[in-house]
PDB file of N, CA and C in Angstrom:
ATOM      1  N   MET A   1     -63.071  48.987 156.241  1.00  0.00           N
ATOM      2  CA  MET A   1     -64.691  48.539 157.226  1.00  0.00           C
ATOM      3  C   MET A   1     -64.518  47.367 157.927  1.00  0.00           C
ATOM      4  N   GLY A   2     -64.583  46.919 159.044  1.00  0.00           N
ATOM      5  CA  GLY A   2     -64.676  46.234 160.072  1.00  0.00           C
ATOM      6  C   GLY A   2     -65.860  45.312 159.557  1.00  0.00           C
ATOM      7  N   ARG A   3     -66.035  43.806 160.295  1.00  0.00           N
ATOM      8  CA  ARG A   3     -67.231  42.968 160.331  1.00  0.00           C
ATOM      9  C   ARG A   3     -67.423  42.400 161.189  1.00  0.00           C
ATOM     10  N   TRP A   4     -68.201  42.193 162.387  1.00  0.00           N
ATOM     11  CA  TRP A   4     -68.350  41.298 163.489  1.00  0.00           C
ATOM     12  C   TRP A   4     -69.213  40.336 163.723  1.00  0.00           C
ATOM     13  N   ILE A   5     -69.462  39.182 164.132  1.00  0.00           N
ATOM     14  CA  ILE A   5     -70.106  38.381 164.256  1.00  0.00           C
ATOM     15  C   ILE A   5     -70.807  38.201 165.980  1.00  0.00           C
ATOM     16  N   ALA A   6     -71.912  38.755 166.190  1.00  0.00           N
ATOM     17  CA  ALA A   6     -73.070  38.627 167.283  1.00  0.00           C
ATOM     18  C   ALA A   6     -73.688  37.354 167.387  1.00  0.00           C
ATOM     19  N   ILE A   7     -73.917  36.719 168.786  1.00  0.00           N
ATOM     20  CA  ILE A   7     -74.364  35.671 168.730  1.00  0.00           C
ATOM     21  C   ILE A   7     -75.510  35.786 170.497  1.00  0.00           C
ATOM     22  N   GLY A   8     -76.595  35.935 170.335  1.00  0.00           N
ATOM     23  CA  GLY A   8     -77.223  35.905 171.414  1.00  0.00           C
ATOM     24  C   GLY A   8     -78.723  35.685 171.387  1.00  0.00           C
ATOM     25  N   THR A   9     -79.387  36.250 172.175  1.00  0.00           N
ATOM     26  CA  THR A   9     -80.771  36.450 172.363  1.00  0.00           C
ATOM     27  C   THR A   9     -81.889  37.618 172.548  1.00  0.00           C
ATOM     28  N   ALA A  10     -82.600  37.449 172.188  1.00  0.00           N
ATOM     29  CA  ALA A  10     -83.536  38.811 172.229  1.00  0.00           C
ATOM     30  C   ALA A  10     -85.070  38.292 172.208  1.00  0.00           C
ATOM     31  N   PRO A  11     -85.599  38.948 173.150  1.00  0.00           N
ATOM     32  CA  PRO A  11     -87.138  38.605 173.225  1.00  0.00           C
ATOM     33  C   PRO A  11     -87.875  38.292 172.394  1.00  0.00           C
ATOM     34  N   GLY A  12     -88.887  37.929 171.940  1.00  0.00           N
ATOM     35  CA  GLY A  12     -89.833  37.517 171.322  1.00  0.00           C
ATOM     36  C   GLY A  12     -89.021  36.863 169.453  1.00  0.00           C
ATOM     37  N   TRP A  13     -88.374  37.177 169.407  1.00  0.00           N
ATOM     38  CA  TRP A  13     -87.659  37.028 167.971  1.00  0.00           C
ATOM     39  C   TRP A  13     -87.752  35.468 167.567  1.00  0.00           C
ATOM     40  N   SER A  14     -87.796  34.719 168.009  1.00  0.00           N
ATOM     41  CA  SER A  14     -88.078  33.423 167.584  1.00  0.00           C
ATOM     42  C   SER A  14     -89.399  33.167 167.096  1.00  0.00           C
ATOM     43  N   ASP A  15     -90.127  34.156 167.554  1.00  0.00           N
ATOM     44  CA  ASP A  15     -91.343  34.142 166.627  1.00  0.00           C
ATOM     45  C   ASP A  15     -91.020  34.559 165.023  1.00  0.00           C
ATOM     46  N   LEU A  16     -91.464  34.258 164.420  1.00  0.00           N
ATOM     47  CA  LEU A  16     -91.294  34.948 162.718  1.00  0.00           C
ATOM     48  C   LEU A  16     -91.798  35.876 162.509  1.00  0.00           C
ATOM     49  N   VAL A  17     -93.428  36.446 163.058  1.00  0.00           N
ATOM     50  CA  VAL A  17     -93.732  37.749 162.872  1.00  0.00           C
ATOM     51  C   VAL A  17     -92.996  38.882 163.694  1.00  0.00           C
ATOM     52  N   LYS A  18     -92.666  38.435 164.661  1.00  0.00           N
ATOM     53  CA  LYS A  18     -91.757  39.612 165.519  1.00  0.00           C
ATOM     54  C   LYS A  18     -90.583  39.776 164.966  1.00  0.00           C
ATOM     55  N   PHE A  19     -89.551  38.390 164.555  1.00  0.00           N
ATOM     56  CA  PHE A  19     -88.697  38.392 164.001  1.00  0.00           C
ATOM     57  C   PHE A  19     -88.823  39.634 162.803  1.00  0.00           C
ATOM     58  N   GLY A  20     -89.596  38.988 161.755  1.00  0.00           N
ATOM     59  CA  GLY A  20     -89.976  40.094 160.437  1.00  0.00           C
ATOM     60  C   GLY A  20     -90.547  41.603 160.803  1.00  0.00           C
ATOM     61  N   ALA A  21     -90.863  41.625 161.558  1.00  0.00           N
ATOM     62  CA  ALA A  21     -90.982  43.519 162.479  1.00  0.00           C
ATOM     63  C   ALA A  21     -90.272  44.073 162.578  1.00  0.00           C
ATOM     64  N   GLU A  22     -89.063  43.195 163.584  1.00  0.00           N
ATOM     65  CA  GLU A  22     -87.877  43.848 163.881  1.00  0.00           C
ATOM     66  C   GLU A  22     -86.678  44.435 162.627  1.00  0.00           C
ATOM     67  N   LEU A  23     -87.302  43.365 161.847  1.00  0.00           N
ATOM     68  CA  LEU A  23     -85.976  43.510 160.523  1.00  0.00           C
ATOM     69  C   LEU A  23     -86.671  44.033 159.075  1.00  0.00           C
ATOM     70  N   ARG A  24     -87.630  44.063 158.828  1.00  0.00           N
ATOM     71  CA  ARG A  24     -88.291  44.564 157.624  1.00  0.00           C
ATOM     72  C   ARG A  24     -87.808  45.977 157.018  1.00  0.00           C
ATOM     73  N   GLU A  25     -87.947  46.671 158.163  1.00  0.00           N
ATOM     74  CA  GLU A  25     -87.600  47.992 157.287  1.00  0.00           C
ATOM     75  C   GLU A  25     -86.323  47.989 157.405  1.00  0.00           C
ATOM     76  N   THR A  26     -85.750  48.447 156.254  1.00  0.00           N
ATOM     77  CA  THR A  26     -84.497  49.098 155.675  1.00  0.00           C
ATOM     78  C   THR A  26     -83.665  50.151 156.401  1.00  0.00           C
ATOM     79  N   SER A  27     -84.383  50.506 157.381  1.00  0.00           N
ATOM     80  CA  SER A  27     -83.792  51.574 158.825  1.00  0.00           C
ATOM     81  C   SER A  27     -83.420  50.518 159.379  1.00  0.00           C
ATOM     82  N   ALA A  28     -83.443  49.277 159.831  1.00  0.00           N
ATOM     83  CA  ALA A  28     -83.849  48.279 160.779  1.00  0.00           C
ATOM     84  C   ALA A  28     -81.796  47.823 160.547  1.00  0.00           C
ATOM     85  N   TRP A  29     -81.783  48.306 159.160  1.00  0.00           N
ATOM     86  CA  TRP A  29     -80.492  47.154 158.853  1.00  0.00           C
ATOM     87  C   TRP A  29     -79.457  48.317 158.382  1.00  0.00           C
ATOM     88  N   ARG A  30     -79.804  49.440 158.436  1.00  0.00           N
ATOM     89  CA  ARG A  30     -79.037  50.468 158.209  1.00  0.00           C
ATOM     90  C   ARG A  30     -78.859  52.091 159.509  1.00  0.00           C
ATOM     91  N   PRO A  31     -78.623  51.463 160.422  1.00  0.00           N
ATOM     92  CA  PRO A  31     -79.013  52.446 161.174  1.00  0.00           C
ATOM     93  C   PRO A  31     -78.069  53.773 161.522  1.00  0.00           C
ATOM     94  N   ASP A  32     -77.108  53.865 160.341  1.00  0.00           N
ATOM     95  CA  ASP A  32     -76.797  54.788 159.924  1.00  0.00           C
ATOM     96  C   ASP A  32     -75.373  54.708 158.586  1.00  0.00           C
ATOM     97  N   ALA A  33     -75.223  55.766 157.916  1.00  0.00           N
ATOM     98  CA  ALA A  33     -74.516  55.357 156.326  1.00  0.00           C
ATOM     99  C   ALA A  33     -72.760  54.643 156.628  1.00  0.00           C
ATOM    100  N   GLN A  34     -72.546  54.598 157.817  1.00  0.00           N
ATOM    101  CA  GLN A  34     -71.300  53.729 158.240  1.00  0.00           C
ATOM    102  C   GLN A  34     -71.413  52.023 158.880  1.00  0.00           C
ATOM    103  N   THR A  35     -73.015  51.913 159.022  1.00  0.00           N
ATOM    104  CA  THR A  35     -73.526  50.698 159.655  1.00  0.00           C
ATOM    105  C   THR A  35     -74.425  50.179 158.802  1.00  0.00           C
ATOM    106  N   THR A  36     -74.117  48.557 158.267  1.00  0.00           N
ATOM    107  CA  THR A  36     -75.292  47.374 157.741  1.00  0.00           C
ATOM    108  C   THR A  36     -74.815  46.523 158.655  1.00  0.00           C
ATOM    109  N   ILE A  37     -76.522  45.975 158.703  1.00  0.00           N
ATOM    110  CA  ILE A  37     -76.620  44.747 159.511  1.00  0.00           C
ATOM    111  C   ILE A  37     -76.954  44.147 158.483  1.00  0.00           C
ATOM    112  N   THR A  38     -75.866  42.854 157.867  1.00  0.00           N
ATOM    113  CA  THR A  38     -75.937  42.262 156.578  1.00  0.00           C
ATOM    114  C   THR A  38     -76.813  41.119 156.730  1.00  0.00           C
ATOM    115  N   THR A  39     -76.377  40.441 157.789  1.00  0.00           N
ATOM    116  CA  THR A  39     -77.447  39.058 158.382  1.00  0.00           C
ATOM    117  C   THR A  39     -77.755  38.863 159.288  1.00  0.00           C
ATOM    118  N   VAL A  40     -78.890  38.315 159.790  1.00  0.00           N
ATOM    119  CA  VAL A  40     -79.706  37.599 161.231  1.00  0.00           C
ATOM    120  C   VAL A  40     -80.303  36.541 160.855  1.00  0.00           C
ATOM    121  N   PHE A  41     -79.429  35.577 161.574  1.00  0.00           N
ATOM    122  CA  PHE A  41     -80.195  34.132 161.186  1.00  0.00           C
ATOM    123  C   PHE A  41     -80.902  34.218 162.896  1.00  0.00           C
ATOM    124  N   ALA A  42     -81.995  33.397 163.165  1.00  0.00           N
ATOM    125  CA  ALA A  42     -82.807  32.662 164.232  1.00  0.00           C
ATOM    126  C   ALA A  42     -82.378  31.240 164.110  1.00  0.00           C
ATOM    127  N   LEU A  43     -81.279  30.659 164.903  1.00  0.00           N
ATOM    128  CA  LEU A  43     -81.483  29.814 165.316  1.00  0.00           C
ATOM    129  C   LEU A  43     -82.343  28.085 165.911  1.00  0.00           C
ATOM    130  N   GLU A  44     -82.391  27.132 165.644  1.00  0.00           N
ATOM    131  CA  GLU A  44     -83.098  25.828 166.003  1.00  0.00           C
ATOM    132  C   GLU A  44     -82.899  26.063 167.683  1.00  0.00           C
ATOM    133  N   ASP A  45     -81.726  26.831 168.322  1.00  0.00           N
ATOM    134  CA  ASP A  45     -81.853  26.636 169.717  1.00  0.00           C
ATOM    135  C   ASP A  45     -82.800  28.058 170.586  1.00  0.00           C
ATOM    136  N   GLY A  46     -82.846  28.978 169.316  1.00  0.00           N
ATOM    137  CA  GLY A  46     -83.287  30.225 170.180  1.00  0.00           C
ATOM    138  C   GLY A  46     -82.164  31.006 170.131  1.00  0.00           C
ATOM    139  N   ARG A  47     -81.387  30.977 169.859  1.00  0.00           N
ATOM    140  CA  ARG A  47     -80.322  31.779 169.517  1.00  0.00           C
ATOM    141  C   ARG A  47     -80.228  32.746 168.390  1.00  0.00           C
ATOM    142  N   LEU A  48     -79.952  34.233 168.407  1.00  0.00           N
ATOM    143  CA  LEU A  48     -79.725  34.932 166.690  1.00  0.00           C
ATOM    144  C   LEU A  48     -78.102  34.576 166.819  1.00  0.00           C
ATOM    145  N   LEU A  49     -77.481  35.147 165.708  1.00  0.00           N
ATOM    146  CA  LEU A  49     -76.722  35.276 165.244  1.00  0.00           C
ATOM    147  C   LEU A  49     -76.980  36.441 164.092  1.00  0.00           C
ATOM    148  N   ALA A  50     -75.815  37.205 164.015  1.00  0.00           N
ATOM    149  CA  ALA A  50     -75.929  38.524 163.398  1.00  0.00           C
ATOM    150  C   ALA A  50     -74.629  39.107 162.670  1.00  0.00           C
ATOM    151  N   GLU A  51     -74.328  39.384 161.350  1.00  0.00           N
ATOM    152  CA  GLU A  51     -73.444  40.116 160.959  1.00  0.00           C
ATOM    153  C   GLU A  51     -73.229  41.626 160.854  1.00  0.00           C
ATOM    154  N   CYS A  52     -72.334  42.115 161.013  1.00  0.00           N
ATOM    155  CA  CYS A  52     -72.153  43.641 160.519  1.00  0.00           C
ATOM    156  C   CYS A  52     -70.593  44.229 160.079  1.00  0.00           C
ATOM    157  N   HIS A  53     -71.238  45.095 159.181  1.00  0.00           N
ATOM    158  CA  HIS A  53     -70.113  45.635 158.543  1.00  0.00           C
ATOM    159  C   HIS A  53     -70.438  47.558 159.630  1.00  0.00           C
ATOM    160  N   ALA A  54     -69.005  47.426 159.843  1.00  0.00           N
ATOM    161  CA  ALA A  54     -69.089  49.130 160.222  1.00  0.00           C
ATOM    162  C   ALA A  54     -68.086  49.697 160.408  1.00  0.00           C
ATOM    163  N   THR A  55     -67.506  50.887 160.633  1.00  0.00           N
ATOM    164  CA  THR A  55     -66.296  51.473 161.395  1.00  0.00           C
ATOM    165  C   THR A  55     -65.959  51.514 162.260  1.00  0.00           C
ATOM    166  N   LYS A  56     -67.211  51.212 163.218  1.00  0.00           N
ATOM    167  CA  LYS A  56     -66.257  50.470 165.149  1.00  0.00           C
ATOM    168  C   LYS A  56     -67.374  49.609 165.280  1.00  0.00           C
ATOM    169  N   GLN A  57     -66.723  49.014 166.079  1.00  0.00           N
ATOM    170  CA  GLN A  57     -67.268  47.828 166.592  1.00  0.00           C
ATOM    171  C   GLN A  57     -68.858  48.383 167.674  1.00  0.00           C
ATOM    172  N   ALA A  58     -68.408  49.728 168.485  1.00  0.00           N
ATOM    173  CA  ALA A  58     -69.426  50.749 169.191  1.00  0.00           C
ATOM    174  C   ALA A  58     -70.853  50.844 168.314  1.00  0.00           C
ATOM    175  N   ASP A  59     -70.511  50.970 167.040  1.00  0.00           N
ATOM    176  CA  ASP A  59     -71.782  50.901 166.279  1.00  0.00           C
ATOM    177  C   ASP A  59     -72.580  49.948 166.224  1.00  0.00           C
ATOM    178  N   PHE A  60     -72.054  48.703 165.903  1.00  0.00           N
ATOM    179  CA  PHE A  60     -72.655  47.801 166.040  1.00  0.00           C
ATOM    180  C   PHE A  60     -73.294  47.083 167.671  1.00  0.00           C
ATOM    181  N   GLU A  61     -72.416  47.442 168.488  1.00  0.00           N
ATOM    182  CA  GLU A  61     -73.350  46.922 169.848  1.00  0.00           C
ATOM    183  C   GLU A  61     -74.455  47.818 170.484  1.00  0.00           C
ATOM    184  N   ALA A  62     -74.154  49.511 169.841  1.00  0.00           N
ATOM    185  CA  ALA A  62     -75.490  49.993 169.904  1.00  0.00           C
ATOM    186  C   ALA A  62     -76.842  49.401 168.996  1.00  0.00           C
ATOM    187  N   TRP A  63     -76.730  49.024 168.152  1.00  0.00           N
ATOM    188  CA  TRP A  63     -78.128  48.406 167.445  1.00  0.00           C
ATOM    189  C   TRP A  63     -78.106  47.419 168.265  1.00  0.00           C
ATOM    190  N   LEU A  64     -77.551  46.002 168.834  1.00  0.00           N
ATOM    191  CA  LEU A  64     -77.850  45.514 169.447  1.00  0.00           C
ATOM    192  C   LEU A  64     -78.718  45.361 170.483  1.00  0.00           C
ATOM    193  N   ARG A  65     -78.355  46.805 171.352  1.00  0.00           N
ATOM    194  CA  ARG A  65     -78.665  47.178 173.080  1.00  0.00           C
ATOM    195  C   ARG A  65     -80.231  47.775 172.050  1.00  0.00           C
ATOM    196  N   GLN A  66     -80.269  48.435 170.810  1.00  0.00           N
ATOM    197  CA  GLN A  66     -81.735  48.739 170.560  1.00  0.00           C
ATOM    198  C   GLN A  66     -82.395  48.154 170.393  1.00  0.00           C
ATOM    199  N   LYS A  67     -82.331  46.687 169.738  1.00  0.00           N
ATOM    200  CA  LYS A  67     -82.796  46.137 169.658  1.00  0.00           C
ATOM    201  C   LYS A  67     -83.373  44.849 170.709  1.00  0.00           C
ATOM    202  N   GLY A  68     -82.624  45.324 172.218  1.00  0.00           N
ATOM    203  CA  GLY A  68     -82.765  44.682 172.993  1.00  0.00           C
ATOM    204  C   GLY A  68     -82.129  43.131 173.192  1.00  0.00           C
ATOM    205  N   TRP A  69     -80.910  42.744 172.005  1.00  0.00           N
ATOM    206  CA  TRP A  69     -80.107  41.430 172.571  1.00  0.00           C
ATOM    207  C   TRP A  69     -79.649  41.765 174.013  1.00  0.00           C
ATOM    208  N   GLN A  70     -79.563  40.349 174.517  1.00  0.00           N
ATOM    209  CA  GLN A  70     -78.775  39.911 175.406  1.00  0.00           C
ATOM    210  C   GLN A  70     -77.573  39.181 174.861  1.00  0.00           C
ATOM    211  N   VAL A  71     -76.266  39.715 174.937  1.00  0.00           N
ATOM    212  CA  VAL A  71     -74.938  39.331 173.515  1.00  0.00           C
ATOM    213  C   VAL A  71     -74.450  38.489 174.285  1.00  0.00           C
ATOM    214  N   GLU A  72     -74.522  37.110 173.976  1.00  0.00           N
ATOM    215  CA  GLU A  72     -73.156  35.932 174.450  1.00  0.00           C
ATOM    216  C   GLU A  72     -71.563  36.230 173.662  1.00  0.00           C
ATOM    217  N   SER A  73     -71.782  36.441 172.642  1.00  0.00           N
ATOM    218  CA  SER A  73     -70.402  37.070 172.065  1.00  0.00           C
ATOM    219  C   SER A  73     -70.048  37.843 171.212  1.00  0.00           C
ATOM    220  N   LEU A  74     -69.405  38.814 170.954  1.00  0.00           N
ATOM    221  CA  LEU A  74     -69.262  39.363 169.803  1.00  0.00           C
ATOM    222  C   LEU A  74     -67.954  39.665 169.387  1.00  0.00           C
ATOM    223  N   THR A  75     -67.426  39.418 167.918  1.00  0.00           N
ATOM    224  CA  THR A  75     -66.547  38.665 167.249  1.00  0.00           C
ATOM    225  C   THR A  75     -65.909  39.411 166.632  1.00  0.00           C
ATOM    226  N   PRO A  76     -65.126  39.981 166.286  1.00  0.00           N
ATOM    227  CA  PRO A  76     -64.168  40.888 164.825  1.00  0.00           C
ATOM    228  C   PRO A  76     -63.979  39.440 163.582  1.00  0.00           C
ATOM    229  N   VAL A  77     -64.622  39.584 162.650  1.00  0.00           N
ATOM    230  CA  VAL A  77     -64.374  38.686 161.917  1.00  0.00           C
ATOM    231  C   VAL A  77     -62.927  38.825 160.536  1.00  0.00           C
ATOM    232  N   LYS A  78     -61.730  37.578 160.636  1.00  0.00           N
ATOM    233  CA  LYS A  78     -60.521  37.711 160.351  1.00  0.00           C
ATOM    234  C   LYS A  78     -60.646  37.535 158.686  1.00  0.00           C
ATOM    235  N   HIS A  79     -61.316  36.233 158.662  1.00  0.00           N
ATOM    236  CA  HIS A  79     -61.210  35.875 156.954  1.00  0.00           C
ATOM    237  C   HIS A  79     -62.543  35.647 156.629  1.00  0.00           C
ATOM    238  N   LEU A  80     -63.437  35.777 155.377  1.00  0.00           N
ATOM    239  CA  LEU A  80     -64.821  35.304 154.960  1.00  0.00           C
ATOM    240  C   LEU A  80     -64.478  34.134 153.815  1.00  0.00           C
ATOM    241  N   ALA A  81     -64.696  33.609 153.268  1.00  0.00           N
ATOM    242  CA  ALA A  81     -65.203  32.638 152.222  1.00  0.00           C
ATOM    243  C   ALA A  81     -66.625  32.888 151.848  1.00  0.00           C
ATOM    244  N   LYS A  82     -67.075  33.018 150.968  1.00  0.00           N
ATOM    245  CA  LYS A  82     -68.406  33.366 150.426  1.00  0.00           C
ATOM    246  C   LYS A  82     -68.141  32.838 149.118  1.00  0.00           C
ATOM    247  N   THR A  83     -69.146  31.824 148.460  1.00  0.00           N
ATOM    248  CA  THR A  83     -69.519  31.325 147.286  1.00  0.00           C
ATOM    249  C   THR A  83     -68.456  31.137 145.972  1.00  0.00           C
ATOM    250  N   GLY A  84     -66.814  30.892 147.184  1.00  0.00           N
ATOM    251  CA  GLY A  84     -65.467  31.077 145.959  1.00  0.00           C
ATOM    252  C   GLY A  84     -64.910  31.986 146.644  1.00  0.00           C
ATOM    253  N   SER A  85     -65.289  33.345 146.608  1.00  0.00           N
ATOM    254  CA  SER A  85     -64.762  34.342 146.973  1.00  0.00           C
ATOM    255  C   SER A  85     -64.293  34.354 148.344  1.00  0.00           C
ATOM    256  N   ILE A  86     -62.465  34.468 148.501  1.00  0.00           N
ATOM    257  CA  ILE A  86     -62.157  34.798 149.826  1.00  0.00           C
ATOM    258  C   ILE A  86     -61.464  36.083 150.216  1.00  0.00           C
ATOM    259  N   TRP A  87     -62.121  36.825 150.939  1.00  0.00           N
ATOM    260  CA  TRP A  87     -61.408  37.792 151.259  1.00  0.00           C
ATOM    261  C   TRP A  87     -60.496  38.373 152.617  1.00  0.00           C
ATOM    262  N   LYS A  88     -59.726  38.901 152.823  1.00  0.00           N
ATOM    263  CA  LYS A  88     -59.020  39.108 154.245  1.00  0.00           C
ATOM    264  C   LYS A  88     -59.917  40.302 155.002  1.00  0.00           C
ATOM    265  N   VAL A  89     -60.347  40.452 155.895  1.00  0.00           N
ATOM    266  CA  VAL A  89     -60.961  41.238 156.581  1.00  0.00           C
ATOM    267  C   VAL A  89     -60.364  42.368 157.551  1.00  0.00           C
ATOM    268  N   ALA A  90     -59.451  41.350 158.561  1.00  0.00           N
ATOM    269  CA  ALA A  90     -59.135  42.372 159.321  1.00  0.00           C
ATOM    270  C   ALA A  90     -57.641  41.651 159.346  1.00  0.00           C
TER     271      ALA A  90
END
């Protein structure tokens, strides 16, 4: 399963109430059985960063469109280190 990172903006997501409303429900994180949005960060500069695990990049792109993101970059993850564990992703 691939992983991707997206950086971009979405109208109103800098507001914590809107951010929570967009992401509170499990269905917001699991658009289908093969796609999981694992993390979304709201950065201080107004941009957003999201990580996705999916079988196809197109599934992440569809979620980003559905949520109204203006994507600056969408990049596959090559390696990952998380609290001492290291994985080769691609």
